[in-house]
Amino acid sequence: MRETSTVVLSQKNDATRRDVAVKVVIDASLCQGHGRCFNSAPDLFGFDDLGNGVVVGDGVLSEQTLDKARLAVANCPEHAISIEE
């Protein structure tokens, strides 16, 4: 079984420190169904009934999937994909 770890960013907010998971999201209002996300990272993206891209699972990225998500962001012609903290 392959072990994965979640990418977590440490952030200082006032005097406290909190850990934030990094995840990939698709803005459904922008997606036109080009399929570049699925071609770039089929383990992160799928399609809905209309052929528009959807994030598989909760979208939380691991160290192994962060680069694939960045590639999908860079290749989306509608700029519908983003990586959020």
N, C-alpha and C. Protein backbone atom coordinates (compact mmCIF):
# COMPACT_ATOMS: atom_id res chain seq x y z
N MET A 1 0.84 -1.17 0.00
CA MET A 1 0.00 0.00 0.00
C MET A 1 0.89 1.24 0.00
N ARG A 2 0.57 2.20 -0.87
CA ARG A 2 1.34 3.41 -0.99
C ARG A 2 0.93 4.40 0.08
N GLU A 3 1.91 4.97 0.75
CA GLU A 3 1.62 5.93 1.82
C GLU A 3 1.62 7.33 1.23
N THR A 4 0.61 8.13 1.56
CA THR A 4 0.56 9.51 1.12
C THR A 4 0.44 10.41 2.33
N SER A 5 0.84 11.64 2.14
CA SER A 5 0.69 12.61 3.22
C SER A 5 0.02 13.85 2.66
N THR A 6 -0.76 14.51 3.49
CA THR A 6 -1.46 15.70 3.10
C THR A 6 -0.53 16.90 3.20
N VAL A 7 -0.61 17.78 2.22
CA VAL A 7 0.18 19.00 2.25
C VAL A 7 -0.48 19.95 3.24
N VAL A 8 0.29 20.41 4.19
CA VAL A 8 -0.23 21.33 5.19
C VAL A 8 0.69 22.54 5.28
N LEU A 9 0.10 23.70 5.21
CA LEU A 9 0.86 24.93 5.35
C LEU A 9 0.69 25.46 6.76
N SER A 10 1.77 25.90 7.34
CA SER A 10 1.69 26.53 8.66
C SER A 10 1.58 28.02 8.46
N GLN A 11 0.66 28.62 9.17
CA GLN A 11 0.39 30.03 9.03
C GLN A 11 0.37 30.68 10.40
N LYS A 12 0.97 31.85 10.48
CA LYS A 12 0.86 32.60 11.73
C LYS A 12 -0.28 33.59 11.56
N ASN A 13 -1.19 33.55 12.48
CA ASN A 13 -2.33 34.45 12.47
C ASN A 13 -2.41 35.06 13.86
N ASP A 14 -2.12 36.34 13.95
CA ASP A 14 -1.98 37.01 15.24
C ASP A 14 -0.93 36.25 16.05
N ALA A 15 -1.25 35.85 17.24
CA ALA A 15 -0.28 35.15 18.08
C ALA A 15 -0.46 33.64 18.02
N THR A 16 -1.35 33.16 17.18
CA THR A 16 -1.62 31.73 17.12
C THR A 16 -1.08 31.14 15.83
N ARG A 17 -0.88 29.84 15.84
CA ARG A 17 -0.43 29.12 14.66
C ARG A 17 -1.47 28.07 14.34
N ARG A 18 -1.86 27.98 13.06
CA ARG A 18 -2.82 26.97 12.66
C ARG A 18 -2.34 26.27 11.40
N ASP A 19 -2.71 25.02 11.25
CA ASP A 19 -2.35 24.27 10.06
C ASP A 19 -3.54 24.28 9.10
N VAL A 20 -3.23 24.48 7.82
CA VAL A 20 -4.26 24.60 6.81
C VAL A 20 -4.00 23.57 5.72
N ALA A 21 -4.99 22.75 5.41
CA ALA A 21 -4.86 21.78 4.32
C ALA A 21 -5.00 22.51 2.99
N VAL A 22 -4.27 22.05 2.00
CA VAL A 22 -4.33 22.61 0.65
C VAL A 22 -5.23 21.73 -0.19
N LYS A 23 -6.16 22.35 -0.93
CA LYS A 23 -7.07 21.56 -1.76
C LYS A 23 -7.29 22.21 -3.12
N VAL A 24 -7.68 21.40 -4.07
CA VAL A 24 -7.98 21.87 -5.40
C VAL A 24 -9.50 21.98 -5.54
N VAL A 25 -9.95 23.03 -6.23
CA VAL A 25 -11.38 23.24 -6.45
C VAL A 25 -11.62 23.65 -7.90
N ILE A 26 -12.84 23.38 -8.37
CA ILE A 26 -13.27 23.82 -9.70
C ILE A 26 -14.47 24.73 -9.53
N ASP A 27 -14.43 25.89 -10.17
CA ASP A 27 -15.57 26.80 -10.19
C ASP A 27 -16.49 26.32 -11.31
N ALA A 28 -17.61 25.71 -10.94
CA ALA A 28 -18.53 25.12 -11.91
C ALA A 28 -19.12 26.16 -12.86
N SER A 29 -19.19 27.40 -12.42
CA SER A 29 -19.75 28.45 -13.28
C SER A 29 -18.79 28.85 -14.41
N LEU A 30 -17.51 28.50 -14.27
CA LEU A 30 -16.52 28.82 -15.29
C LEU A 30 -16.17 27.64 -16.19
N CYS A 31 -16.31 26.42 -15.69
CA CYS A 31 -15.90 25.23 -16.44
C CYS A 31 -16.74 25.07 -17.71
N GLN A 32 -16.06 24.82 -18.82
CA GLN A 32 -16.72 24.59 -20.12
C GLN A 32 -16.54 23.16 -20.62
N GLY A 33 -15.93 22.31 -19.81
CA GLY A 33 -15.82 20.90 -20.16
C GLY A 33 -14.74 20.56 -21.17
N HIS A 34 -13.66 21.31 -21.21
CA HIS A 34 -12.56 21.02 -22.14
C HIS A 34 -11.86 19.70 -21.81
N GLY A 35 -11.85 19.30 -20.55
CA GLY A 35 -11.27 18.03 -20.15
C GLY A 35 -9.77 18.04 -19.92
N ARG A 36 -9.14 19.19 -19.96
CA ARG A 36 -7.70 19.25 -19.75
C ARG A 36 -7.32 18.85 -18.33
N CYS A 37 -8.20 19.14 -17.37
CA CYS A 37 -7.91 18.76 -15.98
C CYS A 37 -7.85 17.24 -15.86
N PHE A 38 -8.81 16.57 -16.46
CA PHE A 38 -8.85 15.11 -16.42
C PHE A 38 -7.64 14.51 -17.13
N ASN A 39 -7.26 15.10 -18.26
CA ASN A 39 -6.08 14.61 -18.99
C ASN A 39 -4.80 14.84 -18.20
N SER A 40 -4.73 15.94 -17.46
CA SER A 40 -3.53 16.25 -16.67
C SER A 40 -3.43 15.42 -15.40
N ALA A 41 -4.58 15.17 -14.77
CA ALA A 41 -4.58 14.50 -13.47
C ALA A 41 -5.86 13.70 -13.27
N PRO A 42 -5.98 12.55 -13.94
CA PRO A 42 -7.22 11.76 -13.84
C PRO A 42 -7.51 11.24 -12.44
N ASP A 43 -6.51 11.20 -11.57
CA ASP A 43 -6.76 10.77 -10.20
C ASP A 43 -7.35 11.89 -9.35
N LEU A 44 -7.30 13.14 -9.84
CA LEU A 44 -7.86 14.28 -9.11
C LEU A 44 -9.19 14.78 -9.67
N PHE A 45 -9.44 14.51 -10.97
CA PHE A 45 -10.60 15.09 -11.63
C PHE A 45 -11.42 14.05 -12.38
N GLY A 46 -12.70 14.31 -12.47
CA GLY A 46 -13.61 13.48 -13.25
C GLY A 46 -14.58 14.40 -13.98
N PHE A 47 -15.70 13.82 -14.46
CA PHE A 47 -16.70 14.59 -15.20
C PHE A 47 -18.07 14.38 -14.59
N ASP A 48 -18.91 15.41 -14.66
CA ASP A 48 -20.30 15.26 -14.24
C ASP A 48 -21.14 14.82 -15.42
N ASP A 49 -22.45 14.77 -15.26
CA ASP A 49 -23.35 14.30 -16.32
C ASP A 49 -23.34 15.19 -17.56
N LEU A 50 -22.93 16.44 -17.40
CA LEU A 50 -22.88 17.37 -18.53
C LEU A 50 -21.52 17.43 -19.20
N GLY A 51 -20.56 16.67 -18.65
CA GLY A 51 -19.22 16.65 -19.21
C GLY A 51 -18.29 17.71 -18.64
N ASN A 52 -18.74 18.42 -17.61
CA ASN A 52 -17.90 19.43 -16.96
C ASN A 52 -17.03 18.76 -15.90
N GLY A 53 -15.89 19.37 -15.64
CA GLY A 53 -14.95 18.82 -14.67
C GLY A 53 -15.45 18.90 -13.25
N VAL A 54 -15.13 17.88 -12.47
CA VAL A 54 -15.42 17.86 -11.04
C VAL A 54 -14.19 17.32 -10.32
N VAL A 55 -14.03 17.75 -9.08
CA VAL A 55 -12.94 17.25 -8.25
C VAL A 55 -13.35 15.92 -7.65
N VAL A 56 -12.48 14.94 -7.71
CA VAL A 56 -12.73 13.63 -7.13
C VAL A 56 -12.45 13.71 -5.63
N GLY A 57 -13.37 13.24 -4.82
CA GLY A 57 -13.19 13.25 -3.37
C GLY A 57 -13.30 14.64 -2.79
N ASP A 58 -12.54 14.87 -1.73
CA ASP A 58 -12.62 16.16 -1.04
C ASP A 58 -11.66 17.21 -1.59
N GLY A 59 -10.80 16.83 -2.52
CA GLY A 59 -9.89 17.78 -3.15
C GLY A 59 -8.63 18.07 -2.37
N VAL A 60 -8.49 17.47 -1.18
CA VAL A 60 -7.28 17.71 -0.38
C VAL A 60 -6.09 17.08 -1.09
N LEU A 61 -5.03 17.86 -1.22
CA LEU A 61 -3.86 17.43 -1.98
C LEU A 61 -2.79 16.85 -1.08
N SER A 62 -2.11 15.85 -1.61
CA SER A 62 -0.95 15.27 -0.94
C SER A 62 0.30 15.83 -1.61
N GLU A 63 1.44 15.52 -1.06
CA GLU A 63 2.69 15.95 -1.68
C GLU A 63 2.80 15.39 -3.10
N GLN A 64 2.27 14.20 -3.31
CA GLN A 64 2.35 13.54 -4.61
C GLN A 64 1.39 14.16 -5.64
N THR A 65 0.29 14.76 -5.20
CA THR A 65 -0.70 15.27 -6.15
C THR A 65 -0.66 16.79 -6.32
N LEU A 66 0.11 17.49 -5.53
CA LEU A 66 0.17 18.95 -5.63
C LEU A 66 0.67 19.40 -6.99
N ASP A 67 1.73 18.79 -7.51
CA ASP A 67 2.25 19.19 -8.82
C ASP A 67 1.26 18.91 -9.93
N LYS A 68 0.53 17.79 -9.84
CA LYS A 68 -0.50 17.49 -10.84
C LYS A 68 -1.61 18.53 -10.81
N ALA A 69 -1.99 18.95 -9.62
CA ALA A 69 -3.02 19.97 -9.49
C ALA A 69 -2.54 21.30 -10.08
N ARG A 70 -1.29 21.64 -9.84
CA ARG A 70 -0.73 22.87 -10.41
C ARG A 70 -0.71 22.81 -11.93
N LEU A 71 -0.41 21.64 -12.49
CA LEU A 71 -0.44 21.47 -13.94
C LEU A 71 -1.85 21.67 -14.48
N ALA A 72 -2.84 21.13 -13.79
CA ALA A 72 -4.24 21.31 -14.21
C ALA A 72 -4.64 22.78 -14.15
N VAL A 73 -4.23 23.48 -13.10
CA VAL A 73 -4.53 24.92 -12.98
C VAL A 73 -3.93 25.67 -14.17
N ALA A 74 -2.69 25.37 -14.49
CA ALA A 74 -2.00 26.06 -15.58
C ALA A 74 -2.60 25.76 -16.95
N ASN A 75 -3.23 24.59 -17.11
CA ASN A 75 -3.75 24.18 -18.41
C ASN A 75 -5.23 24.42 -18.61
N CYS A 76 -5.92 24.94 -17.61
CA CYS A 76 -7.36 25.19 -17.76
C CYS A 76 -7.58 26.48 -18.54
N PRO A 77 -8.15 26.39 -19.76
CA PRO A 77 -8.33 27.60 -20.56
C PRO A 77 -9.37 28.57 -19.99
N GLU A 78 -10.23 28.09 -19.12
CA GLU A 78 -11.27 28.95 -18.54
C GLU A 78 -10.88 29.48 -17.16
N HIS A 79 -9.71 29.08 -16.67
CA HIS A 79 -9.24 29.46 -15.32
C HIS A 79 -10.26 29.09 -14.25
N ALA A 80 -10.85 27.92 -14.42
CA ALA A 80 -11.88 27.44 -13.49
C ALA A 80 -11.30 26.66 -12.31
N ILE A 81 -10.03 26.30 -12.38
CA ILE A 81 -9.41 25.48 -11.34
C ILE A 81 -8.50 26.36 -10.49
N SER A 82 -8.57 26.15 -9.18
CA SER A 82 -7.68 26.87 -8.27
C SER A 82 -7.25 25.97 -7.13
N ILE A 83 -6.18 26.36 -6.50
CA ILE A 83 -5.67 25.66 -5.32
C ILE A 83 -5.86 26.62 -4.15
N GLU A 84 -6.55 26.11 -3.13
CA GLU A 84 -6.89 26.94 -1.97
C GLU A 84 -6.29 26.39 -0.70
N GLU A 85 -6.07 27.27 0.25
CA GLU A 85 -5.61 26.88 1.57
C GLU A 85 -6.81 26.81 2.50
